[in-house]
Amino acid sequence: MTRARALGAGGPPPFAWHDPETLAEALRPHGFAVDCHEAQLHFTGASPTDYVDVMFAEHPLWIADAARLAPAGALEAVRQRSVEIFTAANEEHGALRVTSRYLVATATRA
């Protein structure tokens, strides 16, 4: 079960913030030039399971989700799927390290 389905989220597909050309096209008509570069963030922990458990216990957004997922009977399924995702993406044997790449975009008026 996905988090979005468990929480009843829906709506249109998200905007492609990760695509420099899409950003430039969206902002160009408003007089902006867009400069982009890629950056990285590393998520680390003792293990994928430990990381997910810590997030559900300490991270405000994960705590809020747990409060909505538990009454719907979906918390354990989402927790387990989260562990599976972090396990599949794990880059380090015997611990957890997942590298998340993201785009930093700066829009300036020409």
Protein backbone atom coordinates (compact mmCIF):
# COMPACT_ATOMS: atom_id res chain seq x y z
CA MET A 1 0.00 0.00 0.00
CA THR A 2 1.31 3.43 -0.84
CA ARG A 3 1.28 6.31 1.61
CA ALA A 4 -0.83 8.44 -0.76
CA ARG A 5 -3.48 5.74 -1.18
CA ALA A 6 -3.55 5.01 2.56
CA LEU A 7 -4.06 8.70 3.33
CA GLY A 8 -6.70 9.13 0.63
CA ALA A 9 -4.57 11.59 -1.33
CA GLY A 10 -5.36 12.24 -4.94
CA GLY A 11 -5.42 14.99 -7.46
CA PRO A 12 -3.42 15.93 -10.51
CA PRO A 13 0.11 14.68 -11.05
CA PRO A 14 2.77 16.78 -9.33
CA PHE A 15 4.61 19.56 -11.16
CA ALA A 16 8.00 18.45 -12.54
CA TRP A 17 10.14 20.62 -10.23
CA HIS A 18 13.08 18.30 -10.99
CA ASP A 19 13.15 19.21 -14.71
CA PRO A 20 15.15 22.39 -15.52
CA GLU A 21 13.43 22.89 -18.88
CA THR A 22 9.96 22.58 -17.36
CA LEU A 23 10.88 25.17 -14.72
CA ALA A 24 12.32 27.52 -17.33
CA GLU A 25 9.22 27.19 -19.52
CA ALA A 26 6.91 27.88 -16.58
CA LEU A 27 8.80 30.94 -15.35
CA ARG A 28 10.00 32.48 -18.64
CA PRO A 29 6.62 34.14 -19.40
CA HIS A 30 6.90 35.94 -16.05
CA GLY A 31 10.31 37.41 -16.85
CA PHE A 32 12.47 34.91 -14.98
CA ALA A 33 15.65 33.16 -16.02
CA VAL A 34 16.31 29.87 -14.27
CA ASP A 35 19.69 28.50 -13.25
CA CYS A 36 19.82 24.92 -11.93
CA HIS A 37 22.36 22.61 -10.36
CA GLU A 38 22.11 19.18 -8.79
CA ALA A 39 22.81 18.51 -5.11
CA GLN A 40 22.69 15.46 -2.85
CA LEU A 41 21.35 14.60 0.58
CA HIS A 42 22.38 11.42 2.40
CA PHE A 43 19.96 9.57 4.67
CA THR A 44 21.82 7.37 7.15
CA GLY A 45 20.97 5.06 9.99
CA ALA A 46 21.78 1.80 11.71
CA SER A 47 19.55 -0.10 9.26
CA PRO A 48 16.55 0.54 7.00
CA THR A 49 14.20 -0.75 9.71
CA ASP A 50 15.81 1.38 12.40
CA TYR A 51 15.66 4.47 10.19
CA VAL A 52 11.95 4.04 9.46
CA ASP A 53 11.17 3.38 13.13
CA VAL A 54 13.08 6.51 14.17
CA MET A 55 11.26 8.60 11.55
CA PHE A 56 7.82 7.40 12.73
CA ALA A 57 8.85 8.15 16.32
CA GLU A 58 10.61 11.50 15.87
CA HIS A 59 9.94 13.22 12.54
CA PRO A 60 6.90 15.54 12.72
CA LEU A 61 5.55 14.66 9.25
CA TRP A 62 5.95 10.92 9.77
CA ILE A 63 4.30 11.24 13.21
CA ALA A 64 1.37 13.12 11.64
CA ASP A 65 1.03 10.44 8.96
CA ALA A 66 1.11 7.68 11.59
CA ALA A 67 -1.74 9.39 13.43
CA ARG A 68 -3.84 9.20 10.26
CA LEU A 69 -2.66 5.78 9.09
CA ALA A 70 -3.19 3.91 12.36
CA PRO A 71 -6.98 4.45 12.61
CA ALA A 72 -7.30 3.40 8.95
CA GLY A 73 -5.45 0.15 9.75
CA ALA A 74 -2.72 1.04 7.25
CA LEU A 75 0.21 2.01 9.45
CA GLU A 76 2.00 -1.35 9.45
CA ALA A 77 1.61 -1.81 5.68
CA VAL A 78 3.05 1.65 4.99
CA ARG A 79 5.81 1.11 7.57
CA GLN A 80 6.78 -2.19 5.95
CA ARG A 81 6.69 -0.71 2.43
CA SER A 82 8.91 2.15 3.64
CA VAL A 83 11.44 -0.39 4.99
CA GLU A 84 11.35 -2.22 1.63
CA ILE A 85 12.01 1.01 -0.29
CA PHE A 86 14.95 1.99 1.92
CA THR A 87 16.31 -1.57 1.75
CA ALA A 88 16.18 -1.57 -2.04
CA ALA A 89 17.92 1.82 -2.24
CA ASN A 90 20.50 1.08 0.45
CA GLU A 91 24.10 1.74 -0.58
CA GLU A 92 25.88 0.40 2.51
CA HIS A 93 26.12 -3.14 3.83
CA GLY A 94 25.50 -3.42 7.58
CA ALA A 95 23.92 0.03 7.96
CA LEU A 96 21.80 2.47 5.97
CA ARG A 97 22.97 5.06 3.49
CA VAL A 98 20.68 6.33 0.74
CA THR A 99 21.68 9.20 -1.51
CA SER A 100 18.86 11.45 -2.64
CA ARG A 101 19.64 13.72 -5.56
CA TYR A 102 17.69 16.92 -5.97
CA LEU A 103 17.68 20.05 -8.08
CA VAL A 104 18.46 23.50 -6.72
CA ALA A 105 16.82 26.11 -8.93
CA THR A 106 17.39 29.84 -8.73
CA ALA A 107 14.97 32.09 -10.59
CA THR A 108 16.02 35.66 -11.25
CA ARG A 109 14.22 38.37 -13.13
CA ALA A 110 16.04 39.31 -16.28
